[in-house]
C-alpha atoms as a PDB file:
ATOM      1  CA  MET A   1     -15.914 -21.544 -45.774  1.00  0.00           C
ATOM      2  CA  CYS A   2     -18.112 -24.636 -45.628  1.00  0.00           C
ATOM      3  CA  VAL A   3     -21.796 -24.661 -46.606  1.00  0.00           C
ATOM      4  CA  ALA A   4     -22.972 -25.091 -42.974  1.00  0.00           C
ATOM      5  CA  SER A   5     -20.916 -22.106 -41.789  1.00  0.00           C
ATOM      6  CA  ARG A   6     -22.141 -19.977 -44.687  1.00  0.00           C
ATOM      7  CA  ASN A   7     -25.799 -20.879 -43.953  1.00  0.00           C
ATOM      8  CA  LEU A   8     -25.337 -20.066 -40.247  1.00  0.00           C
ATOM      9  CA  LEU A   9     -23.751 -16.713 -41.125  1.00  0.00           C
ATOM     10  CA  CYS A  10     -26.636 -15.871 -43.515  1.00  0.00           C
ATOM     11  CA  LEU A  11     -29.195 -16.924 -40.925  1.00  0.00           C
ATOM     12  CA  THR A  12     -27.525 -14.812 -38.230  1.00  0.00           C
ATOM     13  CA  MET A  13     -27.339 -11.752 -40.507  1.00  0.00           C
ATOM     14  CA  THR A  14     -30.953 -12.192 -41.622  1.00  0.00           C
ATOM     15  CA  GLY A  15     -32.105 -12.624 -38.015  1.00  0.00           C
ATOM     16  CA  THR A  16     -30.209  -9.530 -36.902  1.00  0.00           C
ATOM     17  CA  LEU A  17     -31.671  -7.502 -39.761  1.00  0.00           C
ATOM     18  CA  ALA A  18     -35.190  -8.754 -39.019  1.00  0.00           C
ATOM     19  CA  LEU A  19     -34.780  -8.011 -35.298  1.00  0.00           C
ATOM     20  CA  GLY A  20     -33.532  -4.514 -36.086  1.00  0.00           C
ATOM     21  CA  LEU A  21     -36.470  -3.817 -38.377  1.00  0.00           C
ATOM     22  CA  ALA A  22     -38.925  -5.199 -35.828  1.00  0.00           C
ATOM     23  CA  LEU A  23     -37.507  -3.040 -33.044  1.00  0.00           C
ATOM     24  CA  THR A  24     -37.534   0.040 -35.251  1.00  0.00           C
ATOM     25  CA  GLY A  25     -41.168  -0.635 -36.148  1.00  0.00           C
ATOM     26  CA  CYS A  26     -42.140  -1.044 -32.495  1.00  0.00           C
ATOM     27  CA  GLU A  27     -40.308   2.116 -31.556  1.00  0.00           C
ATOM     28  CA  SER A  28     -42.078   4.179 -34.200  1.00  0.00           C
ATOM     29  CA  ILE A  29     -45.474   2.789 -33.152  1.00  0.00           C
ATOM     30  CA  GLY A  30     -44.774   3.678 -29.517  1.00  0.00           C
ATOM     31  CA  SER A  31     -43.672   7.175 -30.427  1.00  0.00           C
ATOM     32  CA  ARG A  32     -46.886   7.766 -32.387  1.00  0.00           C
ATOM     33  CA  THR A  33     -49.043   7.013 -29.370  1.00  0.00           C
ATOM     34  CA  THR A  34     -47.155   9.456 -27.147  1.00  0.00           C
ATOM     35  CA  ALA A  35     -46.964  12.309 -29.665  1.00  0.00           C
ATOM     36  CA  PRO A  36     -49.073  15.320 -28.665  1.00  0.00           C
ATOM     37  CA  LYS A  37     -52.274  15.797 -30.618  1.00  0.00           C
ATOM     38  CA  ALA A  38     -52.713  18.967 -32.610  1.00  0.00           C
ATOM     39  CA  ALA A  39     -55.007  21.419 -30.872  1.00  0.00           C
ATOM     40  CA  GLY A  40     -58.219  22.411 -32.626  1.00  0.00           C
ATOM     41  CA  PRO A  41     -58.843  25.954 -33.717  1.00  0.00           C
ATOM     42  CA  ARG A  42     -59.001  28.322 -30.811  1.00  0.00           C
ATOM     43  CA  ALA A  43     -62.068  30.477 -30.224  1.00  0.00           C
ATOM     44  CA  ILE A  44     -61.557  34.202 -30.711  1.00  0.00           C
ATOM     45  CA  GLN A  45     -62.797  36.189 -27.715  1.00  0.00           C
ATOM     46  CA  VAL A  46     -65.126  38.917 -29.002  1.00  0.00           C
ATOM     47  CA  GLY A  47     -66.680  40.388 -25.868  1.00  0.00           C
ATOM     48  CA  GLU A  48     -69.581  39.972 -23.473  1.00  0.00           C
ATOM     49  CA  VAL A  49     -73.372  40.123 -23.812  1.00  0.00           C
ATOM     50  CA  ALA A  50     -74.439  43.516 -22.423  1.00  0.00           C
ATOM     51  CA  VAL A  51     -78.141  43.578 -23.387  1.00  0.00           C
ATOM     52  CA  VAL A  52     -80.612  40.877 -24.424  1.00  0.00           C
ATOM     53  CA  ASP A  53     -83.837  41.813 -26.207  1.00  0.00           C
ATOM     54  CA  GLU A  54     -85.766  38.536 -26.080  1.00  0.00           C
ATOM     55  CA  GLU A  55     -88.818  39.959 -27.853  1.00  0.00           C
ATOM     56  CA  ARG A  56     -86.870  41.129 -30.918  1.00  0.00           C
ATOM     57  CA  ARG A  57     -84.315  38.291 -30.597  1.00  0.00           C
ATOM     58  CA  PHE A  58     -81.089  40.302 -30.602  1.00  0.00           C
ATOM     59  CA  VAL A  59     -78.234  41.102 -28.236  1.00  0.00           C
ATOM     60  CA  LEU A  60     -75.803  43.965 -27.819  1.00  0.00           C
ATOM     61  CA  ILE A  61     -72.239  42.803 -27.374  1.00  0.00           C
ATOM     62  CA  ASP A  62     -69.748  44.914 -25.428  1.00  0.00           C
ATOM     63  CA  LEU A  63     -66.441  44.513 -27.258  1.00  0.00           C
ATOM     64  CA  GLU A  64     -64.580  45.243 -23.996  1.00  0.00           C
ATOM     65  CA  SER A  65     -61.974  47.390 -25.779  1.00  0.00           C
ATOM     66  CA  SER A  66     -61.200  44.430 -28.049  1.00  0.00           C
ATOM     67  CA  LEU A  67     -59.316  45.253 -31.226  1.00  0.00           C
ATOM     68  CA  TYR A  68     -61.149  42.450 -33.035  1.00  0.00           C
ATOM     69  CA  VAL A  69     -64.533  43.391 -34.491  1.00  0.00           C
ATOM     70  CA  PRO A  70     -66.363  40.583 -36.346  1.00  0.00           C
ATOM     71  CA  ALA A  71     -67.799  41.423 -39.748  1.00  0.00           C
ATOM     72  CA  PRO A  72     -71.558  41.633 -40.337  1.00  0.00           C
ATOM     73  CA  GLY A  73     -72.935  38.141 -40.978  1.00  0.00           C
ATOM     74  CA  ALA A  74     -70.244  36.403 -38.896  1.00  0.00           C
ATOM     75  CA  ALA A  75     -71.398  33.493 -36.741  1.00  0.00           C
ATOM     76  CA  LEU A  76     -70.760  33.843 -33.003  1.00  0.00           C
ATOM     77  CA  ARG A  77     -71.436  31.700 -29.937  1.00  0.00           C
ATOM     78  CA  THR A  78     -72.290  32.714 -26.382  1.00  0.00           C
ATOM     79  CA  LEU A  79     -70.831  30.776 -23.475  1.00  0.00           C
ATOM     80  CA  GLN A  80     -71.514  30.598 -19.770  1.00  0.00           C
ATOM     81  CA  GLY A  81     -68.402  28.921 -18.412  1.00  0.00           C
ATOM     82  CA  SER A  82     -67.759  26.162 -20.958  1.00  0.00           C
ATOM     83  CA  THR A  83     -71.463  25.661 -21.796  1.00  0.00           C
ATOM     84  CA  GLU A  84     -72.789  27.120 -25.035  1.00  0.00           C
ATOM     85  CA  THR A  85     -75.903  29.201 -24.364  1.00  0.00           C
ATOM     86  CA  GLY A  86     -76.620  30.598 -27.808  1.00  0.00           C
ATOM     87  CA  GLN A  87     -75.709  31.101 -31.434  1.00  0.00           C
ATOM     88  CA  LEU A  88     -75.635  34.575 -32.941  1.00  0.00           C
ATOM     89  CA  LYS A  89     -75.227  36.282 -36.299  1.00  0.00           C
ATOM     90  CA  VAL A  90     -73.572  39.713 -36.337  1.00  0.00           C
ATOM     91  CA  SER A  91     -75.786  42.540 -37.611  1.00  0.00           C
ATOM     92  CA  PRO A  92     -74.491  45.579 -39.521  1.00  0.00           C
ATOM     93  CA  GLU A  93     -75.520  47.903 -36.658  1.00  0.00           C
ATOM     94  CA  ARG A  94     -72.596  48.978 -34.497  1.00  0.00           C
ATOM     95  CA  LYS A  95     -71.537  51.850 -32.300  1.00  0.00           C
ATOM     96  CA  ARG A  96     -68.233  51.361 -30.532  1.00  0.00           C
ATOM     97  CA  PRO A  97     -67.881  49.689 -28.040  1.00  0.00           C
ATOM     98  CA  PHE A  98     -71.094  47.789 -28.952  1.00  0.00           C
ATOM     99  CA  ILE A  99     -72.174  45.639 -31.880  1.00  0.00           C
ATOM    100  CA  ALA A 100     -75.580  44.040 -32.413  1.00  0.00           C
ATOM    101  CA  ALA A 101     -76.215  40.383 -33.240  1.00  0.00           C
ATOM    102  CA  ASP A 102     -79.369  38.417 -34.006  1.00  0.00           C
ATOM    103  CA  ILE A 103     -80.115  35.414 -31.784  1.00  0.00           C
ATOM    104  CA  ARG A 104     -80.229  32.370 -34.070  1.00  0.00           C
ATOM    105  CA  ASP A 105     -80.553  29.707 -31.378  1.00  0.00           C
ATOM    106  CA  GLY A 106     -80.469  29.306 -27.618  1.00  0.00           C
ATOM    107  CA  GLU A 107     -80.991  31.763 -24.785  1.00  0.00           C
ATOM    108  CA  PRO A 108     -77.970  33.997 -24.236  1.00  0.00           C
ATOM    109  CA  LYS A 109     -77.912  35.935 -20.972  1.00  0.00           C
ATOM    110  CA  VAL A 110     -76.313  39.208 -19.911  1.00  0.00           C
ATOM    111  CA  GLY A 111     -72.732  38.472 -18.908  1.00  0.00           C
ATOM    112  CA  ASP A 112     -72.228  35.497 -21.239  1.00  0.00           C
ATOM    113  CA  ARG A 113     -68.884  35.441 -23.089  1.00  0.00           C
ATOM    114  CA  VAL A 114     -69.079  35.888 -26.847  1.00  0.00           C
ATOM    115  CA  VAL A 115     -66.629  33.994 -29.061  1.00  0.00           C
ATOM    116  CA  GLN A 116     -66.166  33.332 -32.740  1.00  0.00           C
END
């Protein structure tokens, strides 16, 4: 094989290899942009605000026959639709199906959803 033929063969093989690597790189970049994003932590549905005592800054939460009961001191949020209306802290007082929580921030209303 002559030197010119050997150089052409090397150039062709190198070009093919480079093209293959370039296409593989482009393909992996494209697949990263279309991959689904991991969902954030889901809120745990606790219940619904049944009573609001604005003067003493606490609420009673109806657990709505929920099996999940947050521990005293747990942080909760109240929602009206997708809007946060308040932040709560669970109190030790409880009598099924109700638990009490102190209002830390916001103005929760009767009927607001309570999530953790």
